[in-house]
C-alpha atoms as a PDB file:
ATOM      1  CA  MET A   1     -50.321  75.457  -6.461  1.00  0.00           C
ATOM      2  CA  SER A   2     -47.633  77.771  -7.730  1.00  0.00           C
ATOM      3  CA  GLY A   3     -44.803  75.447  -6.697  1.00  0.00           C
ATOM      4  CA  LEU A   4     -45.828  72.398  -8.766  1.00  0.00           C
ATOM      5  CA  VAL A   5     -44.344  71.421 -12.115  1.00  0.00           C
ATOM      6  CA  LYS A   6     -45.597  68.537 -14.264  1.00  0.00           C
ATOM      7  CA  HIS A   7     -43.093  66.374 -16.178  1.00  0.00           C
ATOM      8  CA  SER A   8     -43.764  63.633 -18.708  1.00  0.00           C
ATOM      9  CA  ILE A   9     -41.370  60.698 -18.913  1.00  0.00           C
ATOM     10  CA  ASN A  10     -41.436  58.552 -22.038  1.00  0.00           C
ATOM     11  CA  ASN A  11     -40.849  54.847 -21.511  1.00  0.00           C
ATOM     12  CA  ILE A  12     -40.520  52.774 -24.689  1.00  0.00           C
ATOM     13  CA  ASN A  13     -44.203  51.867 -25.015  1.00  0.00           C
ATOM     14  CA  LYS A  14     -45.914  53.752 -22.211  1.00  0.00           C
ATOM     15  CA  TRP A  15     -46.346  57.347 -21.241  1.00  0.00           C
ATOM     16  CA  TYR A  16     -45.994  58.094 -17.563  1.00  0.00           C
ATOM     17  CA  SER A  17     -46.920  61.303 -15.960  1.00  0.00           C
ATOM     18  CA  MET A  18     -45.499  62.355 -12.633  1.00  0.00           C
ATOM     19  CA  THR A  19     -45.751  65.452 -10.559  1.00  0.00           C
ATOM     20  CA  MET A  20     -42.783  66.945  -8.732  1.00  0.00           C
ATOM     21  CA  VAL A  21     -42.835  69.665  -6.142  1.00  0.00           C
ATOM     22  CA  VAL A  22     -40.283  72.325  -6.919  1.00  0.00           C
ATOM     23  CA  ARG A  23     -39.798  75.207  -4.517  1.00  0.00           C
ATOM     24  CA  SER A  24     -38.670  78.447  -5.950  1.00  0.00           C
ATOM     25  CA  LEU A  25     -35.247  79.529  -4.670  1.00  0.00           C
ATOM     26  CA  ASN A  26     -36.641  82.878  -3.543  1.00  0.00           C
ATOM     27  CA  SER A  27     -38.585  81.148  -0.751  1.00  0.00           C
ATOM     28  CA  TRP A  28     -35.481  79.459   0.682  1.00  0.00           C
ATOM     29  CA  THR A  29     -33.887  81.272   3.588  1.00  0.00           C
ATOM     30  CA  GLY A  30     -30.603  80.978   5.435  1.00  0.00           C
ATOM     31  CA  GLY A  31     -28.353  80.739   2.398  1.00  0.00           C
ATOM     32  CA  LYS A  32     -24.700  81.704   2.617  1.00  0.00           C
ATOM     33  CA  LYS A  33     -23.629  83.998  -0.190  1.00  0.00           C
ATOM     34  CA  TYR A  34     -20.353  83.135  -1.862  1.00  0.00           C
ATOM     35  CA  LEU A  35     -18.779  84.611  -4.981  1.00  0.00           C
ATOM     36  CA  GLY A  36     -21.032  83.474  -7.845  1.00  0.00           C
ATOM     37  CA  PHE A  37     -23.487  81.282  -5.917  1.00  0.00           C
ATOM     38  CA  THR A  38     -25.550  80.879  -2.766  1.00  0.00           C
ATOM     39  CA  TYR A  39     -25.107  77.778  -0.590  1.00  0.00           C
ATOM     40  CA  TYR A  40     -28.114  76.405   1.314  1.00  0.00           C
ATOM     41  CA  PRO A  41     -26.927  74.031   4.055  1.00  0.00           C
ATOM     42  CA  ARG A  42     -29.208  71.349   5.487  1.00  0.00           C
ATOM     43  CA  GLU A  43     -30.702  71.825   8.929  1.00  0.00           C
ATOM     44  CA  GLY A  44     -28.069  71.425  11.622  1.00  0.00           C
ATOM     45  CA  GLU A  45     -25.260  71.175   9.068  1.00  0.00           C
ATOM     46  CA  VAL A  46     -22.244  73.306   9.871  1.00  0.00           C
ATOM     47  CA  ASP A  47     -19.262  73.652   7.595  1.00  0.00           C
ATOM     48  CA  PRO A  48     -15.952  72.790   9.235  1.00  0.00           C
ATOM     49  CA  PRO A  49     -13.543  75.709   9.569  1.00  0.00           C
ATOM     50  CA  TYR A  50     -11.196  75.915   6.617  1.00  0.00           C
ATOM     51  CA  THR A  51      -8.349  78.287   5.990  1.00  0.00           C
ATOM     52  CA  ALA A  52      -7.023  78.462   2.466  1.00  0.00           C
ATOM     53  CA  THR A  53      -3.344  77.719   1.960  1.00  0.00           C
ATOM     54  CA  LYS A  54      -1.057  80.514   0.837  1.00  0.00           C
ATOM     55  CA  LEU A  55       0.938  78.425  -1.639  1.00  0.00           C
ATOM     56  CA  PHE A  56       0.378  75.625  -4.154  1.00  0.00           C
ATOM     57  CA  MET A  57       2.845  73.022  -5.373  1.00  0.00           C
ATOM     58  CA  VAL A  58       2.191  72.461  -9.099  1.00  0.00           C
ATOM     59  CA  GLN A  59       3.550  69.503 -11.071  1.00  0.00           C
ATOM     60  CA  ARG A  60       2.979  68.713 -14.739  1.00  0.00           C
ATOM     61  CA  VAL A  61       1.521  65.212 -15.252  1.00  0.00           C
ATOM     62  CA  LYS A  62       0.585  65.299 -18.954  1.00  0.00           C
ATOM     63  CA  SER A  63       2.669  65.945 -22.041  1.00  0.00           C
ATOM     64  CA  TYR A  64       3.750  69.454 -22.934  1.00  0.00           C
ATOM     65  CA  LEU A  65       3.582  68.687 -26.648  1.00  0.00           C
ATOM     66  CA  TYR A  66       0.445  68.836 -28.800  1.00  0.00           C
ATOM     67  CA  ASN A  67      -1.196  71.530 -26.704  1.00  0.00           C
ATOM     68  CA  PRO A  68      -2.293  75.001 -27.851  1.00  0.00           C
ATOM     69  CA  TYR A  69       0.237  77.802 -27.605  1.00  0.00           C
ATOM     70  CA  TRP A  70      -1.637  79.595 -24.785  1.00  0.00           C
ATOM     71  CA  GLN A  71      -1.449  76.491 -22.563  1.00  0.00           C
ATOM     72  CA  LYS A  72       2.234  76.020 -23.401  1.00  0.00           C
ATOM     73  CA  LYS A  73       2.856  79.674 -22.471  1.00  0.00           C
ATOM     74  CA  ILE A  74       1.267  79.193 -19.053  1.00  0.00           C
ATOM     75  CA  LEU A  75       3.372  76.089 -18.406  1.00  0.00           C
ATOM     76  CA  THR A  76       6.536  77.832 -19.637  1.00  0.00           C
ATOM     77  CA  ASP A  77       5.900  80.859 -17.412  1.00  0.00           C
ATOM     78  CA  MET A  78       5.685  78.533 -14.408  1.00  0.00           C
ATOM     79  CA  GLY A  79       8.828  76.642 -15.496  1.00  0.00           C
ATOM     80  CA  LEU A  80       7.008  73.358 -16.160  1.00  0.00           C
ATOM     81  CA  ASP A  81       8.102  72.926 -19.774  1.00  0.00           C
ATOM     82  CA  HIS A  82      11.066  70.594 -19.161  1.00  0.00           C
ATOM     83  CA  LYS A  83      10.950  67.411 -17.091  1.00  0.00           C
ATOM     84  CA  GLY A  84       7.654  66.065 -15.825  1.00  0.00           C
ATOM     85  CA  SER A  85       9.088  65.761 -12.325  1.00  0.00           C
ATOM     86  CA  ASP A  86       9.739  69.506 -12.057  1.00  0.00           C
ATOM     87  CA  ILE A  87       7.587  71.397  -9.581  1.00  0.00           C
ATOM     88  CA  ALA A  88       6.610  75.033  -9.282  1.00  0.00           C
ATOM     89  CA  ILE A  89       5.585  76.838  -6.123  1.00  0.00           C
ATOM     90  CA  VAL A  90       2.908  79.448  -6.868  1.00  0.00           C
ATOM     91  CA  LYS A  91       0.841  81.815  -4.751  1.00  0.00           C
ATOM     92  CA  ASN A  92      -2.844  81.190  -4.120  1.00  0.00           C
ATOM     93  CA  THR A  93      -4.180  84.322  -5.787  1.00  0.00           C
ATOM     94  CA  PRO A  94      -7.218  84.746  -8.036  1.00  0.00           C
ATOM     95  CA  GLU A  95      -5.005  85.570 -11.031  1.00  0.00           C
ATOM     96  CA  MET A  96      -2.865  82.461 -10.580  1.00  0.00           C
ATOM     97  CA  ASN A  97      -5.932  80.297  -9.931  1.00  0.00           C
ATOM     98  CA  ALA A  98      -7.412  81.487 -13.241  1.00  0.00           C
ATOM     99  CA  ARG A  99      -4.200  80.472 -15.046  1.00  0.00           C
ATOM    100  CA  LEU A 100      -4.121  77.091 -13.285  1.00  0.00           C
ATOM    101  CA  TRP A 101      -7.754  76.513 -14.254  1.00  0.00           C
ATOM    102  CA  LYS A 102      -6.835  76.816 -17.938  1.00  0.00           C
ATOM    103  CA  VAL A 103      -4.252  74.008 -17.681  1.00  0.00           C
ATOM    104  CA  LYS A 104      -5.907  71.916 -14.951  1.00  0.00           C
ATOM    105  CA  HIS A 105      -5.964  68.840 -17.189  1.00  0.00           C
ATOM    106  CA  LEU A 106      -2.153  68.977 -17.587  1.00  0.00           C
ATOM    107  CA  ILE A 107      -1.071  69.543 -13.991  1.00  0.00           C
ATOM    108  CA  LYS A 108      -1.413  68.230 -10.451  1.00  0.00           C
ATOM    109  CA  ILE A 109      -2.048  70.891  -7.808  1.00  0.00           C
ATOM    110  CA  THR A 110      -1.194  70.170  -4.175  1.00  0.00           C
ATOM    111  CA  PRO A 111      -1.853  72.735  -1.433  1.00  0.00           C
ATOM    112  CA  ILE A 112       1.219  73.305   0.723  1.00  0.00           C
ATOM    113  CA  GLN A 113       0.507  72.695   4.394  1.00  0.00           C
ATOM    114  CA  THR A 114       2.702  74.245   7.072  1.00  0.00           C
ATOM    115  CA  PRO A 115       2.092  72.346  10.343  1.00  0.00           C
ATOM    116  CA  ASP A 116       5.317  73.741  11.858  1.00  0.00           C
ATOM    117  CA  GLY A 117       4.558  77.297  10.749  1.00  0.00           C
ATOM    118  CA  LEU A 118       6.438  79.408   8.254  1.00  0.00           C
ATOM    119  CA  PRO A 119      10.186  80.010   8.617  1.00  0.00           C
ATOM    120  CA  GLU A 120      11.413  83.369   9.847  1.00  0.00           C
ATOM    121  CA  LYS A 121      13.137  85.788   7.502  1.00  0.00           C
ATOM    122  CA  ASP A 122      16.469  84.360   6.222  1.00  0.00           C
ATOM    123  CA  ASP A 123      15.943  81.219   8.311  1.00  0.00           C
ATOM    124  CA  TYR A 124      15.568  78.328   5.873  1.00  0.00           C
ATOM    125  CA  TRP A 125      17.922  75.872   7.612  1.00  0.00           C
ATOM    126  CA  GLY A 126      16.473  72.387   7.880  1.00  0.00           C
ATOM    127  CA  THR A 127      13.343  72.906   5.775  1.00  0.00           C
ATOM    128  CA  HIS A 128      11.864  70.156   3.602  1.00  0.00           C
ATOM    129  CA  LEU A 129       8.879  69.978   1.248  1.00  0.00           C
ATOM    130  CA  ASP A 130       7.332  66.502   0.899  1.00  0.00           C
ATOM    131  CA  THR A 131       5.688  65.199  -2.273  1.00  0.00           C
ATOM    132  CA  GLU A 132       2.358  65.384  -0.403  1.00  0.00           C
ATOM    133  CA  GLY A 133       2.820  69.135   0.045  1.00  0.00           C
ATOM    134  CA  VAL A 134       3.808  69.165   3.740  1.00  0.00           C
ATOM    135  CA  PHE A 135       6.434  71.821   4.481  1.00  0.00           C
ATOM    136  CA  ARG A 136       8.482  70.814   7.541  1.00  0.00           C
ATOM    137  CA  ILE A 137      10.949  72.814   9.586  1.00  0.00           C
ATOM    138  CA  SER A 138      13.351  70.656  11.564  1.00  0.00           C
ATOM    139  CA  LYS A 139      14.847  72.439  14.549  1.00  0.00           C
ATOM    140  CA  LYS A 140      17.663  69.891  14.909  1.00  0.00           C
ATOM    141  CA  PHE A 141      19.267  71.117  11.668  1.00  0.00           C
ATOM    142  CA  LEU A 142      19.429  74.717  12.806  1.00  0.00           C
ATOM    143  CA  PRO A 143      22.981  76.023  13.249  1.00  0.00           C
ATOM    144  CA  ASP A 144      24.235  76.228  16.819  1.00  0.00           C
ATOM    145  CA  THR A 145      24.596  79.892  17.744  1.00  0.00           C
ATOM    146  CA  LYS A 146      27.416  79.155  20.239  1.00  0.00           C
ATOM    147  CA  ARG A 147      29.464  77.494  17.516  1.00  0.00           C
ATOM    148  CA  LEU A 148      28.886  80.358  15.112  1.00  0.00           C
ATOM    149  CA  GLU A 149      30.039  82.869  17.740  1.00  0.00           C
ATOM    150  CA  ALA A 150      33.100  80.727  18.549  1.00  0.00           C
ATOM    151  CA  THR A 151      34.026  80.613  14.853  1.00  0.00           C
ATOM    152  CA  LYS A 152      33.780  84.392  14.565  1.00  0.00           C
ATOM    153  CA  ASP A 153      35.917  84.833  17.680  1.00  0.00           C
ATOM    154  CA  PHE A 154      38.531  82.399  16.346  1.00  0.00           C
ATOM    155  CA  GLU A 155      38.775  84.270  13.047  1.00  0.00           C
ATOM    156  CA  LYS A 156      39.567  87.459  14.952  1.00  0.00           C
ATOM    157  CA  LEU A 157      42.477  85.921  16.919  1.00  0.00           C
ATOM    158  CA  ALA A 158      45.978  87.166  16.026  1.00  0.00           C
ATOM    159  CA  LYS A 159      47.761  83.935  17.067  1.00  0.00           C
ATOM    160  CA  ARG A 160      45.799  81.666  14.765  1.00  0.00           C
ATOM    161  CA  VAL A 161      47.296  80.200  11.615  1.00  0.00           C
ATOM    162  CA  ASP A 162      45.968  82.146   8.700  1.00  0.00           C
ATOM    163  CA  LYS A 163      45.217  80.875   5.220  1.00  0.00           C
ATOM    164  CA  ASP A 164      48.201  82.567   3.531  1.00  0.00           C
ATOM    165  CA  SER A 165      50.823  81.017   5.811  1.00  0.00           C
ATOM    166  CA  VAL A 166      49.255  77.545   5.458  1.00  0.00           C
ATOM    167  CA  GLU A 167      49.281  77.868   1.663  1.00  0.00           C
ATOM    168  CA  LYS A 168      52.896  79.091   1.692  1.00  0.00           C
ATOM    169  CA  ASN A 169      54.077  76.196   3.879  1.00  0.00           C
ATOM    170  CA  CYS A 170      52.181  73.614   1.836  1.00  0.00           C
ATOM    171  CA  ARG A 171      53.601  75.019  -1.395  1.00  0.00           C
ATOM    172  CA  ASN A 172      57.159  74.892  -0.031  1.00  0.00           C
ATOM    173  CA  LYS A 173      56.630  71.328   1.169  1.00  0.00           C
ATOM    174  CA  TRP A 174      55.328  70.394  -2.271  1.00  0.00           C
ATOM    175  CA  LEU A 175      58.244  71.974  -4.111  1.00  0.00           C
ATOM    176  CA  ASN A 176      60.914  70.584  -1.717  1.00  0.00           C
ATOM    177  CA  PRO A 177      59.546  67.249  -0.500  1.00  0.00           C
ATOM    178  CA  TRP A 178      62.865  65.848   0.872  1.00  0.00           C
ATOM    179  CA  SER A 179      64.121  69.057   2.321  1.00  0.00           C
ATOM    180  CA  THR A 180      64.127  69.388   6.081  1.00  0.00           C
ATOM    181  CA  ILE A 181      63.973  73.165   5.831  1.00  0.00           C
ATOM    182  CA  VAL A 182      60.472  74.305   5.429  1.00  0.00           C
END
């Protein structure tokens, strides 16, 4: 009976004795090793797939004042020392998570979800970050490439009215408003 442990529970006037069966953890099998602990799922239990987010949206919800200097330094480094509505976007790294853990009672951490994917390099047109941490990319706000090319072609034309001549004519019209010679 190596797995049995006896406990005594004291009720106000009576002594009860009960026996509990405690298995040693060494006899359990099938545990999943994680950093710092081992998880033993129940039979047939499967964890849903989860991918960690790359970024966190951090917002200060408690007062900056009356906190120790090391907590104020962490908030100042993230830029959360001014208005309570300010947010900071931080990476999901072990170093940053350790800093966030130290001020977890002062902040609200929201993982940033990217259902539309991440934007391409130098392509941040039409992006929006919700208060719930959903980062959206709207394709309808992207610039029209045909219009951009037409603008570049127009700027290269020799017959177009350039900025200097428009400014000169406007200045002359301003200085001589009743003159017919412009």
